[in-house]
């Protein structure tokens, strides 16, 4: 598992983020305080406080480098 901080401070950024990570077969968890949601759930993301950076847990084994490349535009 890899943990990174991301920033999703606009509606367009949230939509493109979900589209980008949905291409991968691994699991992604977004953590904000005590809340943990599936990062592929656009409704779940909008239930979080998006004014602050979020912790993203990436559960990728084989394609970890490809996942990290896709996440570059969102890194905080």
Protein backbone atom coordinates (compact mmCIF):
# COMPACT_ATOMS: atom_id res chain seq x y z
CA UNK A 1 0.00 0.00 0.00
CA UNK A 2 1.18 3.50 -0.82
CA UNK A 3 -0.11 6.68 0.83
CA UNK A 4 -0.08 10.11 -0.87
CA UNK A 5 -1.78 13.45 -0.26
CA UNK A 6 -4.02 14.83 -2.98
CA UNK A 7 -6.01 18.00 -3.49
CA UNK A 8 -9.47 17.93 -5.09
CA UNK A 9 -10.57 21.55 -4.83
CA UNK A 10 -12.97 21.79 -7.79
CA UNK A 11 -15.84 19.80 -9.28
CA UNK A 12 -13.95 19.26 -12.55
CA UNK A 13 -10.92 17.97 -10.65
CA UNK A 14 -13.07 15.45 -8.76
CA UNK A 15 -14.66 14.20 -12.00
CA UNK A 16 -11.34 13.79 -13.81
CA UNK A 17 -9.79 12.13 -10.71
CA UNK A 18 -12.57 9.50 -10.55
CA UNK A 19 -12.30 8.89 -14.32
CA UNK A 20 -8.51 8.48 -14.08
CA UNK A 21 -8.43 6.04 -11.16
CA UNK A 22 -11.42 4.02 -12.41
CA UNK A 23 -9.19 2.75 -15.22
CA UNK A 24 -7.18 0.76 -12.67
CA UNK A 25 -8.22 -2.56 -11.19
CA UNK A 26 -6.81 -1.88 -7.70
CA UNK A 27 -8.53 -0.29 -4.68
CA UNK A 28 -8.23 3.34 -3.61
CA UNK A 29 -9.32 4.73 -0.23
CA UNK A 30 -9.69 8.44 0.55
CA UNK A 31 -9.16 9.40 4.19
CA UNK A 32 -10.34 12.67 5.72
CA UNK A 33 -10.13 12.69 9.50
CA UNK A 34 -11.99 9.62 10.71
CA UNK A 35 -13.84 9.08 7.43
CA UNK A 36 -12.64 6.51 4.90
CA UNK A 37 -14.43 6.23 1.56
CA UNK A 38 -13.92 4.45 -1.75
CA UNK A 39 -12.06 6.93 -3.97
CA UNK A 40 -13.89 5.64 -7.05
CA UNK A 41 -17.20 6.89 -5.59
CA UNK A 42 -17.91 10.43 -6.80
CA UNK A 43 -20.77 10.80 -4.30
CA UNK A 44 -18.50 9.65 -1.48
CA UNK A 45 -15.85 12.20 -2.42
CA UNK A 46 -18.38 15.04 -2.34
CA UNK A 47 -19.33 14.03 1.21
CA UNK A 48 -15.79 14.93 2.38
CA UNK A 49 -14.27 18.31 3.26
CA UNK A 50 -12.52 19.15 -0.03
CA UNK A 51 -11.03 22.43 1.22
CA UNK A 52 -8.10 20.51 2.74
CA UNK A 53 -5.76 17.92 1.22
CA UNK A 54 -6.92 14.31 1.51
CA UNK A 55 -4.90 11.17 2.19
CA UNK A 56 -5.16 8.61 -0.61
CA UNK A 57 -4.29 4.99 0.14
CA UNK A 58 -3.40 3.11 -3.04
CA UNK A 59 -3.63 -0.68 -2.84
CA UNK A 60 -1.70 -1.41 -6.05
CA UNK A 61 0.85 -4.17 -6.50
CA UNK A 62 1.70 -4.65 -10.17
CA UNK A 63 0.92 -1.29 -11.76
CA UNK A 64 2.01 1.02 -8.91
CA UNK A 65 4.26 3.17 -11.12
CA UNK A 66 1.48 3.64 -13.69
CA UNK A 67 -0.96 4.61 -10.91
CA UNK A 68 1.47 7.17 -9.48
CA UNK A 69 1.93 8.70 -12.93
CA UNK A 70 -1.86 9.09 -13.29
CA UNK A 71 -2.07 10.76 -9.85
CA UNK A 72 0.53 13.48 -10.57
CA UNK A 73 -2.01 16.24 -11.44
CA UNK A 74 -3.75 15.74 -8.08
CA UNK A 75 -0.80 15.55 -5.68
CA UNK A 76 -0.94 18.19 -2.94
